[in-house]
Amino acid sequence: MEGYYIIETIIKVIVILTVFSALAGITTYFERKVLAFMQRRLGPMHVGPYGILQVAADGIKLFTKEDIVPQNAVKPIFMIAPVIAAATAFIAMSAVPFLPEFTLPFTDYVVRPIVADINVGVLFVIGVMAIGMYAPLLGGMASNNKWSLLGAARTVIQMLSFEVVTGLSLIAPLMMVGSLSLIDINNYQDTGWIVWSQPIAFILYIISGYAETNRTPFDLLEHEAEIITGYATEYSGIRWGLFAIGEYANMFTVSFVAALVFLGGFNPMWIIPGGLAIILKVTAIIFFFMWVRAAWPHVRPDQLMWLCWKVLMPLALLNILITGIVLI
């Protein structure tokens, strides 16, 4: 049985790496189309029908583009930083249950779509995603570029601040459930979604999720609308692509955790089966990520810190206090 478990785990890891790496590229296409629609443009149109082969063209470009390493960069750290970004994003997914259990056709074998069902799943996901902060930090510092260094400094400020808000926003729902397991949290909502009793926590989690995944209006780590690209200024080719893959993989992780903790997870929704329900919820959250990018302008670093420490943080603490009083 142990041999079967090891094989099953390896298969799950390969499936997660393959599926979500592909989804990262596909999501960029749909994001460009959504942004184009909202801004009265066409978006990708020239490569394949309706530009659908743009994903393949971008992939080929990333893999074949010259990989430039600055002469005075700290080369080992410069080269490993993008790997940290992608690796931490996928490692965080190992504790996320993506779908309900199902039985393989023509067999009695039950598959649990989660790599590691650990009793501190929420803590593990938040912790591993926090380690991802070292990727832009090390990449920016190792580039020997002043703009990259400034981008790395903004990384530390933003991600450390909003990680606190992320953790605090999840404490109130965890107090209600009494468990850190994402499966236990999902099962707790078989009669009702937590978001109805914790709307403030949900809003705080979504806002901090934008900041942690480097999304507009909080994309101060990279700030691609500027002439330079922050910590990624000196990166090109596949190394730049690893940063992008890590960002989009984190988007899916944040979306799945939001669906599991606040939106009923993979419990059946009306007549919709659980597996399809969670896919629809995650898709809606991803679409909301894109919608906000099209609708909101960037904010300044000082505005972002003001929002975090003077608005979101007190709200999160107040929500925890009220939840504790109600539960008593």
C-alpha atoms as a PDB file:
ATOM      1  CA  MET A   1       0.000   0.000   0.000  1.00  0.00           C
ATOM      2  CA  GLU A   2       2.870   2.377   0.732  1.00  0.00           C
ATOM      3  CA  GLY A   3       4.146   1.885  -2.813  1.00  0.00           C
ATOM      4  CA  TYR A   4       0.721   2.759  -4.236  1.00  0.00           C
ATOM      5  CA  TYR A   5       0.604   5.872  -2.040  1.00  0.00           C
ATOM      6  CA  ILE A   6       4.015   7.047  -3.293  1.00  0.00           C
ATOM      7  CA  ILE A   7       3.016   6.477  -6.920  1.00  0.00           C
ATOM      8  CA  GLU A   8      -0.286   8.290  -6.398  1.00  0.00           C
ATOM      9  CA  THR A   9       1.513  11.237  -4.794  1.00  0.00           C
ATOM     10  CA  ILE A  10       4.000  11.485  -7.673  1.00  0.00           C
ATOM     11  CA  ILE A  11       1.142  11.407 -10.194  1.00  0.00           C
ATOM     12  CA  LYS A  12      -0.679  14.177  -8.298  1.00  0.00           C
ATOM     13  CA  VAL A  13       2.456  16.335  -8.230  1.00  0.00           C
ATOM     14  CA  ILE A  14       2.985  15.884 -11.982  1.00  0.00           C
ATOM     15  CA  VAL A  15      -0.674  16.674 -12.712  1.00  0.00           C
ATOM     16  CA  ILE A  16      -0.592  19.851 -10.567  1.00  0.00           C
ATOM     17  CA  LEU A  17       2.644  21.061 -12.174  1.00  0.00           C
ATOM     18  CA  THR A  18       1.360  20.353 -15.684  1.00  0.00           C
ATOM     19  CA  VAL A  19      -2.179  21.666 -15.292  1.00  0.00           C
ATOM     20  CA  PHE A  20      -1.391  24.865 -13.429  1.00  0.00           C
ATOM     21  CA  SER A  21       1.642  25.686 -15.576  1.00  0.00           C
ATOM     22  CA  ALA A  22      -0.651  25.431 -18.606  1.00  0.00           C
ATOM     23  CA  LEU A  23      -3.379  27.412 -16.836  1.00  0.00           C
ATOM     24  CA  ALA A  24      -0.895  30.198 -16.117  1.00  0.00           C
ATOM     25  CA  GLY A  25      -0.361  30.660 -19.853  1.00  0.00           C
ATOM     26  CA  ILE A  26      -4.032  30.256 -20.732  1.00  0.00           C
ATOM     27  CA  THR A  27      -5.037  32.766 -18.061  1.00  0.00           C
ATOM     28  CA  THR A  28      -2.749  35.396 -19.607  1.00  0.00           C
ATOM     29  CA  TYR A  29      -4.680  35.026 -22.891  1.00  0.00           C
ATOM     30  CA  PHE A  30      -8.081  35.384 -21.243  1.00  0.00           C
ATOM     31  CA  GLU A  31      -6.831  38.291 -19.159  1.00  0.00           C
ATOM     32  CA  ARG A  32      -5.679  40.141 -22.256  1.00  0.00           C
ATOM     33  CA  LYS A  33      -9.044  39.472 -23.892  1.00  0.00           C
ATOM     34  CA  VAL A  34     -11.002  40.636 -20.839  1.00  0.00           C
ATOM     35  CA  LEU A  35      -8.904  43.789 -20.526  1.00  0.00           C
ATOM     36  CA  ALA A  36      -9.312  44.474 -24.249  1.00  0.00           C
ATOM     37  CA  PHE A  37     -13.094  44.076 -24.033  1.00  0.00           C
ATOM     38  CA  MET A  38     -13.335  46.429 -21.063  1.00  0.00           C
ATOM     39  CA  GLN A  39     -11.052  48.979 -22.748  1.00  0.00           C
ATOM     40  CA  ARG A  40     -12.770  48.735 -26.168  1.00  0.00           C
ATOM     41  CA  ARG A  41      -9.876  46.983 -27.891  1.00  0.00           C
ATOM     42  CA  LEU A  42      -9.520  43.612 -29.632  1.00  0.00           C
ATOM     43  CA  GLY A  43      -6.591  42.100 -27.754  1.00  0.00           C
ATOM     44  CA  PRO A  44      -4.649  39.194 -29.332  1.00  0.00           C
ATOM     45  CA  MET A  45      -6.084  38.510 -32.814  1.00  0.00           C
ATOM     46  CA  HIS A  46      -3.303  37.605 -35.245  1.00  0.00           C
ATOM     47  CA  VAL A  47      -1.903  34.259 -34.032  1.00  0.00           C
ATOM     48  CA  GLY A  48      -4.535  31.591 -34.663  1.00  0.00           C
ATOM     49  CA  PRO A  49      -8.329  32.040 -34.579  1.00  0.00           C
ATOM     50  CA  TYR A  50      -9.127  35.019 -32.321  1.00  0.00           C
ATOM     51  CA  GLY A  51      -5.472  34.982 -31.269  1.00  0.00           C
ATOM     52  CA  ILE A  52      -5.881  31.765 -29.261  1.00  0.00           C
ATOM     53  CA  LEU A  53      -2.432  30.511 -30.316  1.00  0.00           C
ATOM     54  CA  GLN A  54      -0.861  33.589 -28.714  1.00  0.00           C
ATOM     55  CA  VAL A  55      -0.265  31.418 -25.622  1.00  0.00           C
ATOM     56  CA  ALA A  56       1.911  29.033 -27.649  1.00  0.00           C
ATOM     57  CA  ALA A  57       3.714  31.939 -29.334  1.00  0.00           C
ATOM     58  CA  ASP A  58       4.491  33.535 -25.974  1.00  0.00           C
ATOM     59  CA  GLY A  59       5.750  30.210 -24.632  1.00  0.00           C
ATOM     60  CA  ILE A  60       8.058  29.683 -27.603  1.00  0.00           C
ATOM     61  CA  LYS A  61       9.348  33.238 -27.251  1.00  0.00           C
ATOM     62  CA  LEU A  62      10.120  32.784 -23.549  1.00  0.00           C
ATOM     63  CA  PHE A  63      11.947  29.490 -24.065  1.00  0.00           C
ATOM     64  CA  THR A  64      14.012  30.725 -27.024  1.00  0.00           C
ATOM     65  CA  LYS A  65      14.719  34.314 -25.986  1.00  0.00           C
ATOM     66  CA  GLU A  66      18.303  35.030 -24.963  1.00  0.00           C
ATOM     67  CA  ASP A  67      18.884  34.539 -21.247  1.00  0.00           C
ATOM     68  CA  ILE A  68      20.921  37.576 -20.214  1.00  0.00           C
ATOM     69  CA  VAL A  69      22.759  37.674 -16.892  1.00  0.00           C
ATOM     70  CA  PRO A  70      24.239  41.094 -16.007  1.00  0.00           C
ATOM     71  CA  GLN A  71      28.010  41.113 -15.795  1.00  0.00           C
ATOM     72  CA  ASN A  72      28.178  42.449 -12.233  1.00  0.00           C
ATOM     73  CA  ALA A  73      25.190  40.542 -10.863  1.00  0.00           C
ATOM     74  CA  VAL A  74      25.566  37.996  -8.077  1.00  0.00           C
ATOM     75  CA  LYS A  75      25.026  35.192 -10.564  1.00  0.00           C
ATOM     76  CA  PRO A  76      24.041  32.199  -8.333  1.00  0.00           C
ATOM     77  CA  ILE A  77      21.415  34.213  -6.462  1.00  0.00           C
ATOM     78  CA  PHE A  78      20.271  35.991  -9.630  1.00  0.00           C
ATOM     79  CA  MET A  79      19.676  32.633 -11.331  1.00  0.00           C
ATOM     80  CA  ILE A  80      17.917  30.871  -8.439  1.00  0.00           C
ATOM     81  CA  ALA A  81      15.499  33.689  -7.504  1.00  0.00           C
ATOM     82  CA  PRO A  82      12.963  32.931 -10.293  1.00  0.00           C
ATOM     83  CA  VAL A  83      13.044  29.243  -9.335  1.00  0.00           C
ATOM     84  CA  ILE A  84      12.048  30.193  -5.785  1.00  0.00           C
ATOM     85  CA  ALA A  85       9.082  32.171  -7.148  1.00  0.00           C
ATOM     86  CA  ALA A  86       7.718  29.241  -9.148  1.00  0.00           C
ATOM     87  CA  ALA A  87       8.634  26.530  -6.608  1.00  0.00           C
ATOM     88  CA  THR A  88       6.967  28.184  -3.604  1.00  0.00           C
ATOM     89  CA  ALA A  89       3.823  28.828  -5.649  1.00  0.00           C
ATOM     90  CA  PHE A  90       3.475  25.141  -6.519  1.00  0.00           C
ATOM     91  CA  ILE A  91       4.544  23.852  -3.092  1.00  0.00           C
ATOM     92  CA  ALA A  92       1.758  25.904  -1.500  1.00  0.00           C
ATOM     93  CA  MET A  93      -0.729  24.031  -3.692  1.00  0.00           C
ATOM     94  CA  SER A  94       0.215  20.696  -2.116  1.00  0.00           C
ATOM     95  CA  ALA A  95      -2.063  21.303   0.895  1.00  0.00           C
ATOM     96  CA  VAL A  96      -5.029  22.583  -1.147  1.00  0.00           C
ATOM     97  CA  PRO A  97      -7.919  20.155  -1.889  1.00  0.00           C
ATOM     98  CA  PHE A  98      -8.918  21.140  -5.417  1.00  0.00           C
ATOM     99  CA  LEU A  99     -11.894  18.807  -5.877  1.00  0.00           C
ATOM    100  CA  PRO A 100     -14.031  16.413  -3.806  1.00  0.00           C
ATOM    101  CA  GLU A 101     -13.095  12.746  -3.581  1.00  0.00           C
ATOM    102  CA  PHE A 102     -14.026  10.620  -6.572  1.00  0.00           C
ATOM    103  CA  THR A 103     -13.771   6.987  -7.606  1.00  0.00           C
ATOM    104  CA  LEU A 104     -11.822   6.031 -10.704  1.00  0.00           C
ATOM    105  CA  PRO A 105     -14.067   4.633 -13.450  1.00  0.00           C
ATOM    106  CA  PHE A 106     -14.326   0.813 -13.533  1.00  0.00           C
ATOM    107  CA  THR A 107     -12.447   0.543 -10.211  1.00  0.00           C
ATOM    108  CA  ASP A 108     -13.066   0.923  -6.494  1.00  0.00           C
ATOM    109  CA  TYR A 109     -10.038   3.179  -6.068  1.00  0.00           C
ATOM    110  CA  VAL A 110     -10.882   6.457  -4.315  1.00  0.00           C
ATOM    111  CA  VAL A 111      -8.808   9.479  -5.362  1.00  0.00           C
ATOM    112  CA  ARG A 112      -8.389  12.449  -3.040  1.00  0.00           C
ATOM    113  CA  PRO A 113      -7.348  15.487  -5.125  1.00  0.00           C
ATOM    114  CA  ILE A 114      -4.874  16.775  -2.559  1.00  0.00           C
ATOM    115  CA  VAL A 115      -1.173  15.983  -2.316  1.00  0.00           C
ATOM    116  CA  ALA A 116      -0.788  16.343   1.459  1.00  0.00           C
ATOM    117  CA  ASP A 117      -3.834  16.429   3.737  1.00  0.00           C
ATOM    118  CA  ILE A 118      -2.226  18.073   6.761  1.00  0.00           C
ATOM    119  CA  ASN A 119      -4.111  19.338   9.800  1.00  0.00           C
ATOM    120  CA  VAL A 120      -2.534  22.808   9.511  1.00  0.00           C
ATOM    121  CA  GLY A 121      -3.261  23.290   5.816  1.00  0.00           C
ATOM    122  CA  VAL A 122      -4.130  26.996   6.043  1.00  0.00           C
ATOM    123  CA  LEU A 123      -0.964  27.749   8.015  1.00  0.00           C
ATOM    124  CA  PHE A 124       1.144  25.758   5.552  1.00  0.00           C
ATOM    125  CA  VAL A 125      -0.257  27.577   2.507  1.00  0.00           C
ATOM    126  CA  ILE A 126       0.209  31.032   4.043  1.00  0.00           C
ATOM    127  CA  GLY A 127       3.709  30.167   5.260  1.00  0.00           C
ATOM    128  CA  VAL A 128       4.955  28.818   1.938  1.00  0.00           C
ATOM    129  CA  MET A 129       3.467  31.732  -0.007  1.00  0.00           C
ATOM    130  CA  ALA A 130       5.257  34.074   2.414  1.00  0.00           C
ATOM    131  CA  ILE A 131       8.579  32.402   1.564  1.00  0.00           C
ATOM    132  CA  GLY A 132       7.920  33.410  -2.055  1.00  0.00           C
ATOM    133  CA  MET A 133       8.755  36.966  -0.978  1.00  0.00           C
ATOM    134  CA  TYR A 134      12.433  36.016  -1.136  1.00  0.00           C
ATOM    135  CA  ALA A 135      12.235  35.545  -4.920  1.00  0.00           C
ATOM    136  CA  PRO A 136      11.738  39.208  -5.945  1.00  0.00           C
ATOM    137  CA  LEU A 137      13.805  40.330  -2.957  1.00  0.00           C
ATOM    138  CA  LEU A 138      16.845  38.248  -3.882  1.00  0.00           C
ATOM    139  CA  GLY A 139      16.371  38.859  -7.606  1.00  0.00           C
ATOM    140  CA  GLY A 140      16.298  42.607  -7.142  1.00  0.00           C
ATOM    141  CA  MET A 141      19.244  42.705  -4.748  1.00  0.00           C
ATOM    142  CA  ALA A 142      21.378  40.365  -6.876  1.00  0.00           C
ATOM    143  CA  SER A 143      20.817  42.302 -10.123  1.00  0.00           C
ATOM    144  CA  ASN A 144      23.283  45.094  -9.229  1.00  0.00           C
ATOM    145  CA  ASN A 145      20.760  47.616 -10.535  1.00  0.00           C
ATOM    146  CA  LYS A 146      19.431  50.557  -8.537  1.00  0.00           C
ATOM    147  CA  TRP A 147      15.915  50.231  -9.950  1.00  0.00           C
ATOM    148  CA  SER A 148      15.888  46.535  -9.166  1.00  0.00           C
ATOM    149  CA  LEU A 149      17.060  47.259  -5.630  1.00  0.00           C
ATOM    150  CA  LEU A 150      14.245  49.783  -5.154  1.00  0.00           C
ATOM    151  CA  GLY A 151      11.794  47.195  -6.476  1.00  0.00           C
ATOM    152  CA  ALA A 152      13.144  44.663  -3.982  1.00  0.00           C
ATOM    153  CA  ALA A 153      12.713  47.193  -1.150  1.00  0.00           C
ATOM    154  CA  ARG A 154       9.085  47.778  -2.159  1.00  0.00           C
ATOM    155  CA  THR A 155       8.667  44.011  -2.174  1.00  0.00           C
ATOM    156  CA  VAL A 156       9.636  43.725   1.496  1.00  0.00           C
ATOM    157  CA  ILE A 157       7.407  46.626   2.520  1.00  0.00           C
ATOM    158  CA  GLN A 158       4.326  45.431   0.674  1.00  0.00           C
ATOM    159  CA  MET A 159       4.438  41.673   1.134  1.00  0.00           C
ATOM    160  CA  LEU A 160       5.412  41.686   4.802  1.00  0.00           C
ATOM    161  CA  SER A 161       2.638  44.168   5.567  1.00  0.00           C
ATOM    162  CA  PHE A 162      -0.137  42.404   3.714  1.00  0.00           C
ATOM    163  CA  GLU A 163       0.879  38.932   4.903  1.00  0.00           C
ATOM    164  CA  VAL A 164      -0.152  40.116   8.356  1.00  0.00           C
ATOM    165  CA  VAL A 165      -3.555  41.212   7.041  1.00  0.00           C
ATOM    166  CA  THR A 166      -3.977  37.888   5.226  1.00  0.00           C
ATOM    167  CA  GLY A 167      -3.324  35.932   8.400  1.00  0.00           C
ATOM    168  CA  LEU A 168      -5.587  38.121  10.527  1.00  0.00           C
ATOM    169  CA  SER A 169      -8.414  37.940   7.976  1.00  0.00           C
ATOM    170  CA  LEU A 170      -8.415  34.136   8.228  1.00  0.00           C
ATOM    171  CA  ILE A 171      -8.341  33.954  12.027  1.00  0.00           C
ATOM    172  CA  ALA A 172     -12.048  34.754  12.492  1.00  0.00           C
ATOM    173  CA  PRO A 173     -13.271  31.947  10.146  1.00  0.00           C
ATOM    174  CA  LEU A 174     -10.798  29.552  11.770  1.00  0.00           C
ATOM    175  CA  MET A 175     -12.187  30.473  15.197  1.00  0.00           C
ATOM    176  CA  MET A 176     -15.652  29.488  13.969  1.00  0.00           C
ATOM    177  CA  VAL A 177     -14.504  26.149  12.506  1.00  0.00           C
ATOM    178  CA  GLY A 178     -11.975  25.215  15.190  1.00  0.00           C
ATOM    179  CA  SER A 179      -9.555  23.664  12.721  1.00  0.00           C
ATOM    180  CA  LEU A 180      -6.707  24.670  10.408  1.00  0.00           C
ATOM    181  CA  SER A 181      -7.453  21.905   7.893  1.00  0.00           C
ATOM    182  CA  LEU A 182      -8.884  23.144   4.610  1.00  0.00           C
ATOM    183  CA  ILE A 183     -10.947  19.949   4.326  1.00  0.00           C
ATOM    184  CA  ASP A 184     -12.456  20.503   7.781  1.00  0.00           C
ATOM    185  CA  ILE A 185     -13.247  24.101   6.838  1.00  0.00           C
ATOM    186  CA  ASN A 186     -14.888  22.907   3.633  1.00  0.00           C
ATOM    187  CA  ASN A 187     -16.976  20.303   5.477  1.00  0.00           C
ATOM    188  CA  TYR A 188     -18.069  22.908   8.038  1.00  0.00           C
ATOM    189  CA  GLN A 189     -19.877  24.777   5.254  1.00  0.00           C
ATOM    190  CA  ASP A 190     -22.139  21.957   4.091  1.00  0.00           C
ATOM    191  CA  THR A 191     -25.120  23.894   5.475  1.00  0.00           C
ATOM    192  CA  GLY A 192     -24.022  27.473   4.729  1.00  0.00           C
ATOM    193  CA  TRP A 193     -21.123  29.583   3.497  1.00  0.00           C
ATOM    194  CA  ILE A 194     -18.858  31.309   6.010  1.00  0.00           C
ATOM    195  CA  VAL A 195     -18.864  34.499   3.914  1.00  0.00           C
ATOM    196  CA  TRP A 196     -22.396  35.307   5.123  1.00  0.00           C
ATOM    197  CA  SER A 197     -21.200  35.480   8.728  1.00  0.00           C
ATOM    198  CA  GLN A 198     -17.689  36.834   7.918  1.00  0.00           C
ATOM    199  CA  PRO A 199     -18.113  39.358   5.054  1.00  0.00           C
ATOM    200  CA  ILE A 200     -15.454  41.714   6.442  1.00  0.00           C
ATOM    201  CA  ALA A 201     -12.911  38.885   6.703  1.00  0.00           C
ATOM    202  CA  PHE A 202     -13.652  37.898   3.101  1.00  0.00           C
ATOM    203  CA  ILE A 203     -13.146  41.446   1.804  1.00  0.00           C
ATOM    204  CA  LEU A 204      -9.909  41.806   3.785  1.00  0.00           C
ATOM    205  CA  TYR A 205      -8.633  38.480   2.437  1.00  0.00           C
ATOM    206  CA  ILE A 206      -9.385  39.428  -1.177  1.00  0.00           C
ATOM    207  CA  ILE A 207      -7.680  42.828  -0.838  1.00  0.00           C
ATOM    208  CA  SER A 208      -4.578  41.336   0.780  1.00  0.00           C
ATOM    209  CA  GLY A 209      -4.616  38.592  -1.863  1.00  0.00           C
ATOM    210  CA  TYR A 210      -4.305  41.271  -4.554  1.00  0.00           C
ATOM    211  CA  ALA A 211      -1.297  42.726  -2.774  1.00  0.00           C
ATOM    212  CA  GLU A 212       0.429  39.378  -2.204  1.00  0.00           C
ATOM    213  CA  THR A 213      -0.039  38.235  -5.797  1.00  0.00           C
ATOM    214  CA  ASN A 214       1.285  41.515  -7.204  1.00  0.00           C
ATOM    215  CA  ARG A 215      -1.954  42.500  -8.934  1.00  0.00           C
ATOM    216  CA  THR A 216      -3.258  45.918  -9.906  1.00  0.00           C
ATOM    217  CA  PRO A 217      -3.886  48.261  -8.148  1.00  0.00           C
ATOM    218  CA  PHE A 218      -1.258  46.927  -5.724  1.00  0.00           C
ATOM    219  CA  ASP A 219       1.454  45.784  -8.167  1.00  0.00           C
ATOM    220  CA  LEU A 220       4.151  47.981  -6.648  1.00  0.00           C
ATOM    221  CA  LEU A 221       6.664  45.110  -6.640  1.00  0.00           C
ATOM    222  CA  GLU A 222       6.954  45.139 -10.410  1.00  0.00           C
ATOM    223  CA  HIS A 223       4.801  48.095 -11.506  1.00  0.00           C
ATOM    224  CA  GLU A 224       4.947  47.146 -15.167  1.00  0.00           C
ATOM    225  CA  ALA A 225       3.312  50.448 -16.183  1.00  0.00           C
ATOM    226  CA  GLU A 226       6.580  52.208 -15.362  1.00  0.00           C
ATOM    227  CA  ILE A 227       9.488  52.451 -17.801  1.00  0.00           C
ATOM    228  CA  ILE A 228      11.339  49.827 -15.793  1.00  0.00           C
ATOM    229  CA  THR A 229       9.933  46.710 -14.122  1.00  0.00           C
ATOM    230  CA  GLY A 230      11.223  46.906 -10.588  1.00  0.00           C
ATOM    231  CA  TYR A 231      12.940  43.768  -9.342  1.00  0.00           C
ATOM    232  CA  ALA A 232      12.524  42.102 -12.779  1.00  0.00           C
ATOM    233  CA  THR A 233      14.307  44.836 -14.760  1.00  0.00           C
ATOM    234  CA  GLU A 234      17.344  42.666 -15.575  1.00  0.00           C
ATOM    235  CA  TYR A 235      15.437  39.436 -16.218  1.00  0.00           C
ATOM    236  CA  SER A 236      14.578  38.031 -19.634  1.00  0.00           C
ATOM    237  CA  GLY A 237      13.503  34.812 -21.277  1.00  0.00           C
ATOM    238  CA  ILE A 238      12.544  31.816 -19.200  1.00  0.00           C
ATOM    239  CA  ARG A 239      13.701  33.377 -15.921  1.00  0.00           C
ATOM    240  CA  TRP A 240      11.233  36.223 -16.368  1.00  0.00           C
ATOM    241  CA  GLY A 241       8.657  33.582 -17.336  1.00  0.00           C
ATOM    242  CA  LEU A 242       9.175  31.759 -14.026  1.00  0.00           C
ATOM    243  CA  PHE A 243       8.260  34.942 -12.158  1.00  0.00           C
ATOM    244  CA  ALA A 244       5.095  35.209 -14.269  1.00  0.00           C
ATOM    245  CA  ILE A 245       4.204  31.542 -13.696  1.00  0.00           C
ATOM    246  CA  GLY A 246       4.667  31.998  -9.958  1.00  0.00           C
ATOM    247  CA  GLU A 247       2.383  35.052  -9.968  1.00  0.00           C
ATOM    248  CA  TYR A 248      -0.436  33.309 -11.815  1.00  0.00           C
ATOM    249  CA  ALA A 249      -0.050  30.102  -9.795  1.00  0.00           C
ATOM    250  CA  ASN A 250      -0.387  32.190  -6.620  1.00  0.00           C
ATOM    251  CA  MET A 251      -3.550  33.716  -8.079  1.00  0.00           C
ATOM    252  CA  PHE A 252      -5.060  30.246  -8.327  1.00  0.00           C
ATOM    253  CA  THR A 253      -3.917  29.339  -4.804  1.00  0.00           C
ATOM    254  CA  VAL A 254      -5.445  32.519  -3.348  1.00  0.00           C
ATOM    255  CA  SER A 255      -8.650  31.857  -5.297  1.00  0.00           C
ATOM    256  CA  PHE A 256      -8.937  28.235  -4.149  1.00  0.00           C
ATOM    257  CA  VAL A 257      -8.336  29.191  -0.508  1.00  0.00           C
ATOM    258  CA  ALA A 258     -10.978  31.930  -0.799  1.00  0.00           C
ATOM    259  CA  ALA A 259     -13.453  29.436  -2.253  1.00  0.00           C
ATOM    260  CA  LEU A 260     -12.668  26.793   0.375  1.00  0.00           C
ATOM    261  CA  VAL A 261     -12.681  29.095   3.422  1.00  0.00           C
ATOM    262  CA  PHE A 262     -15.468  31.531   2.543  1.00  0.00           C
ATOM    263  CA  LEU A 263     -17.569  30.299  -0.391  1.00  0.00           C
ATOM    264  CA  GLY A 264     -18.534  26.753   0.551  1.00  0.00           C
ATOM    265  CA  GLY A 265     -15.610  24.986  -1.118  1.00  0.00           C
ATOM    266  CA  PHE A 266     -16.559  21.936  -3.120  1.00  0.00           C
ATOM    267  CA  ASN A 267     -19.870  21.338  -1.364  1.00  0.00           C
ATOM    268  CA  PRO A 268     -22.749  20.993  -3.845  1.00  0.00           C
ATOM    269  CA  MET A 269     -24.326  24.342  -4.774  1.00  0.00           C
ATOM    270  CA  TRP A 270     -28.069  23.997  -5.450  1.00  0.00           C
ATOM    271  CA  ILE A 271     -28.183  21.465  -8.317  1.00  0.00           C
ATOM    272  CA  ILE A 272     -24.532  21.995  -9.243  1.00  0.00           C
ATOM    273  CA  PRO A 273     -22.215  19.150  -8.131  1.00  0.00           C
ATOM    274  CA  GLY A 274     -19.322  20.017  -5.828  1.00  0.00           C
ATOM    275  CA  GLY A 275     -16.507  19.588  -8.338  1.00  0.00           C
ATOM    276  CA  LEU A 276     -18.119  21.937 -10.853  1.00  0.00           C
ATOM    277  CA  ALA A 277     -19.151  24.341  -8.076  1.00  0.00           C
ATOM    278  CA  ILE A 278     -15.605  25.032  -6.884  1.00  0.00           C
ATOM    279  CA  ILE A 279     -14.361  25.447 -10.463  1.00  0.00           C
ATOM    280  CA  LEU A 280     -17.064  28.065 -11.071  1.00  0.00           C
ATOM    281  CA  LYS A 281     -16.200  29.871  -7.826  1.00  0.00           C
ATOM    282  CA  VAL A 282     -12.477  29.966  -8.607  1.00  0.00           C
ATOM    283  CA  THR A 283     -13.199  31.121 -12.168  1.00  0.00           C
ATOM    284  CA  ALA A 284     -15.387  33.945 -10.823  1.00  0.00           C
ATOM    285  CA  ILE A 285     -12.633  35.077  -8.440  1.00  0.00           C
ATOM    286  CA  ILE A 286     -10.012  34.995 -11.217  1.00  0.00           C
ATOM    287  CA  PHE A 287     -12.352  37.038 -13.428  1.00  0.00           C
ATOM    288  CA  PHE A 288     -12.721  39.534 -10.579  1.00  0.00           C
ATOM    289  CA  PHE A 289      -8.906  39.822 -10.446  1.00  0.00           C
ATOM    290  CA  MET A 290      -8.974  40.787 -14.130  1.00  0.00           C
ATOM    291  CA  TRP A 291     -11.931  43.148 -13.740  1.00  0.00           C
ATOM    292  CA  VAL A 292     -10.211  45.101 -10.969  1.00  0.00           C
ATOM    293  CA  ARG A 293      -7.053  45.407 -13.073  1.00  0.00           C
ATOM    294  CA  ALA A 294      -9.090  46.981 -15.877  1.00  0.00           C
ATOM    295  CA  ALA A 295     -11.059  49.305 -13.611  1.00  0.00           C
ATOM    296  CA  TRP A 296      -8.656  50.619 -10.956  1.00  0.00           C
ATOM    297  CA  PRO A 297      -5.513  52.772 -11.282  1.00  0.00           C
ATOM    298  CA  HIS A 298      -2.271  52.145  -9.399  1.00  0.00           C
ATOM    299  CA  VAL A 299      -1.757  53.516  -5.920  1.00  0.00           C
ATOM    300  CA  ARG A 300       1.376  55.089  -4.478  1.00  0.00           C
ATOM    301  CA  PRO A 301       3.491  53.145  -1.961  1.00  0.00           C
ATOM    302  CA  ASP A 302       2.576  55.547   0.851  1.00  0.00           C
ATOM    303  CA  GLN A 303      -1.143  55.159   0.048  1.00  0.00           C
ATOM    304  CA  LEU A 304      -0.744  51.393   0.109  1.00  0.00           C
ATOM    305  CA  MET A 305       0.910  51.422   3.521  1.00  0.00           C
ATOM    306  CA  TRP A 306      -1.732  53.810   4.853  1.00  0.00           C
ATOM    307  CA  LEU A 307      -4.445  51.433   3.652  1.00  0.00           C
ATOM    308  CA  CYS A 308      -2.733  48.419   5.213  1.00  0.00           C
ATOM    309  CA  TRP A 309      -1.788  49.712   8.657  1.00  0.00           C
ATOM    310  CA  LYS A 310      -4.476  52.334   9.306  1.00  0.00           C
ATOM    311  CA  VAL A 311      -7.530  50.746   7.664  1.00  0.00           C
ATOM    312  CA  LEU A 312      -7.207  47.011   6.995  1.00  0.00           C
ATOM    313  CA  MET A 313      -5.240  46.081  10.111  1.00  0.00           C
ATOM    314  CA  PRO A 314      -7.631  47.742  12.611  1.00  0.00           C
ATOM    315  CA  LEU A 315     -10.620  46.260  10.750  1.00  0.00           C
ATOM    316  CA  ALA A 316      -9.098  42.776  10.921  1.00  0.00           C
ATOM    317  CA  LEU A 317      -8.398  43.068  14.656  1.00  0.00           C
ATOM    318  CA  LEU A 318     -11.886  44.467  15.307  1.00  0.00           C
ATOM    319  CA  ASN A 319     -13.443  41.606  13.335  1.00  0.00           C
ATOM    320  CA  ILE A 320     -11.499  39.049  15.402  1.00  0.00           C
ATOM    321  CA  LEU A 321     -12.611  40.737  18.635  1.00  0.00           C
ATOM    322  CA  ILE A 322     -16.290  40.765  17.611  1.00  0.00           C
ATOM    323  CA  THR A 323     -16.101  37.144  16.458  1.00  0.00           C
ATOM    324  CA  GLY A 324     -14.565  36.103  19.770  1.00  0.00           C
ATOM    325  CA  ILE A 325     -17.301  37.903  21.738  1.00  0.00           C
ATOM    326  CA  VAL A 326     -20.045  36.288  19.651  1.00  0.00           C
ATOM    327  CA  LEU A 327     -18.540  32.801  19.992  1.00  0.00           C
ATOM    328  CA  ILE A 328     -18.274  33.167  23.775  1.00  0.00           C
END
